[in-house]
Protein backbone atom coordinates (compact mmCIF):
# COMPACT_ATOMS: atom_id res chain seq x y z
CA MET A 1 51.98 5.82 16.42
CA HIS A 2 54.42 8.54 17.41
CA ARG A 3 55.76 8.78 13.83
CA LEU A 4 52.28 9.21 12.38
CA LYS A 5 51.53 12.09 14.70
CA LYS A 6 54.85 13.79 13.93
CA SER A 7 54.32 13.37 10.17
CA TYR A 8 50.85 14.88 10.45
CA ILE A 9 52.22 17.89 12.30
CA HIS A 10 54.86 18.46 9.61
CA SER A 11 52.34 18.18 6.77
CA ASN A 12 49.95 20.51 8.58
CA THR A 13 52.75 23.04 9.11
CA PHE A 14 53.74 22.79 5.45
CA ALA A 15 50.15 23.44 4.39
CA MET A 16 49.96 26.47 6.65
CA VAL A 17 53.21 27.86 5.20
CA ILE A 18 51.93 27.39 1.65
CA PHE A 19 48.64 29.07 2.58
CA PHE A 20 50.51 31.98 4.18
CA ILE A 21 52.69 32.49 1.10
CA PHE A 22 49.62 32.38 -1.16
CA PHE A 23 47.78 34.84 1.12
CA VAL A 24 50.73 37.27 1.10
CA ILE A 25 50.99 37.18 -2.72
CA ILE A 26 47.25 37.78 -3.14
CA SER A 27 47.38 40.59 -0.56
CA ILE A 28 50.27 42.28 -2.39
CA PHE A 29 48.31 42.21 -5.66
CA LEU A 30 45.25 43.62 -3.87
CA ILE A 31 47.26 46.48 -2.36
CA ILE A 32 48.90 47.27 -5.69
CA SER A 33 45.47 47.24 -7.40
CA ILE A 34 44.01 49.63 -4.86
CA PHE A 35 46.85 52.14 -4.68
CA ALA A 36 48.36 52.06 -8.18
CA PRO A 37 47.44 54.99 -10.43
CA GLU A 38 44.70 54.14 -12.91
CA LYS A 39 45.97 53.88 -16.48
CA THR A 40 43.64 54.85 -19.31
CA VAL A 41 45.79 54.01 -22.34
CA SER A 42 47.96 51.03 -23.17
CA GLU A 43 50.99 52.29 -25.06
CA ARG A 44 52.08 48.73 -25.75
CA GLU A 45 48.79 47.81 -27.46
CA ASN A 46 48.03 51.32 -28.71
CA ARG A 47 44.46 51.31 -27.40
CA THR A 48 42.24 52.79 -24.73
CA LEU A 49 41.82 50.59 -21.68
CA GLN A 50 38.41 49.57 -20.37
CA GLU A 51 37.08 52.09 -17.85
CA PHE A 52 35.72 51.03 -14.48
CA PRO A 53 32.02 50.24 -15.05
CA THR A 54 29.34 52.12 -13.17
CA PRO A 55 27.16 49.64 -11.32
CA SER A 56 23.41 49.96 -11.44
CA ILE A 57 20.63 47.59 -10.47
CA SER A 58 19.98 46.62 -14.08
CA THR A 59 23.65 46.06 -15.04
CA VAL A 60 24.29 43.99 -11.91
CA PHE A 61 21.27 41.76 -12.49
CA ASN A 62 21.68 41.30 -16.25
CA GLY A 63 25.38 40.44 -15.91
CA THR A 64 26.90 43.28 -17.93
CA PHE A 65 28.53 44.86 -14.85
CA ILE A 66 30.52 41.70 -14.11
CA LYS A 67 31.58 41.34 -17.77
CA ASP A 68 32.67 44.97 -17.92
CA PHE A 69 34.45 44.67 -14.56
CA GLU A 70 36.35 41.59 -15.82
CA ASN A 71 37.45 43.52 -18.92
CA HIS A 72 38.50 46.48 -16.79
CA TYR A 73 40.47 44.34 -14.35
CA SER A 74 42.19 42.34 -17.08
CA ASP A 75 43.28 45.65 -18.63
CA THR A 76 44.52 47.13 -15.33
CA PHE A 77 45.89 43.99 -13.63
CA PRO A 78 49.02 44.77 -11.57
CA LEU A 79 52.26 44.04 -13.46
CA ARG A 80 50.20 43.28 -16.58
CA ASN A 81 52.95 44.33 -19.01
CA PHE A 82 55.49 42.18 -17.15
CA PHE A 83 53.23 39.14 -17.44
CA LEU A 84 52.57 39.89 -21.12
CA ASP A 85 56.34 40.05 -21.71
CA VAL A 86 56.81 36.72 -19.91
CA ASN A 87 54.01 35.19 -22.00
CA ASP A 88 55.57 36.49 -25.23
CA GLY A 89 58.93 35.02 -24.20
CA ILE A 90 57.37 31.64 -23.44
CA LYS A 91 55.53 31.67 -26.78
CA LYS A 92 58.75 32.57 -28.58
CA ILE A 93 60.64 29.70 -26.94
CA THR A 94 57.89 27.09 -27.34
CA SER A 95 57.16 28.04 -30.93
CA GLN A 96 60.71 27.03 -31.82
CA LEU A 97 60.43 23.63 -30.14
CA SER A 98 59.02 20.47 -31.61
CA ILE A 99 57.91 17.65 -29.35
CA GLY A 100 57.62 14.19 -30.85
CA GLY A 101 59.68 12.14 -33.24
CA ASP A 102 57.94 12.81 -36.57
CA ASP A 103 56.91 16.42 -36.01
CA ILE A 104 58.65 18.94 -38.22
CA VAL A 105 58.00 22.59 -37.48
CA ILE A 106 58.55 25.38 -39.96
CA TYR A 107 59.35 28.53 -38.04
CA ASP A 108 59.37 32.01 -39.49
CA ALA A 109 61.68 34.06 -37.25
CA ASN A 110 60.72 37.31 -38.98
CA LYS A 111 57.02 37.05 -38.18
CA THR A 112 55.93 39.05 -35.15
CA GLY A 113 52.72 38.99 -33.20
CA ASP A 114 50.76 36.58 -31.08
CA ASP A 115 50.29 33.91 -33.74
CA PHE A 116 52.62 30.93 -33.97
CA GLY A 117 53.81 31.85 -37.44
CA GLY A 118 54.57 28.31 -38.61
CA GLU A 119 52.67 25.16 -39.39
CA SER A 120 53.17 21.45 -39.15
CA LEU A 121 53.85 19.50 -42.34
CA GLU A 122 51.21 17.09 -41.11
CA ASP A 123 48.62 19.87 -41.37
CA VAL A 124 49.83 20.78 -44.85
CA GLU A 125 49.45 17.15 -46.01
CA LYS A 126 45.85 17.03 -44.79
CA ARG A 127 44.83 19.88 -47.09
């Protein structure tokens, strides 16, 4: 019985540590969001970023405020360009990999952008 109690204490402590780490990370993002200067243009995407929506009774109740707020926050998320760079790197690496024995992937290294840029021979045969 003593072992069970000790194991429970360790698992409870571990859960509290994980919660604390998660809370600190979320708090850091909140602080950065509040105090970071508001960007209006994305030089990387060459477009104007979504402005903060003005809430009104009608926009809150018909759902457009939440949609516009989501678009605004996704445009101004802290470290957004860093995460986009990480995503591009992951896409670049995974687009060059083929998982499975019979899969053959044609990869065009010169193609840029978000699209994969290659296709499976299996897809070509189905046409």
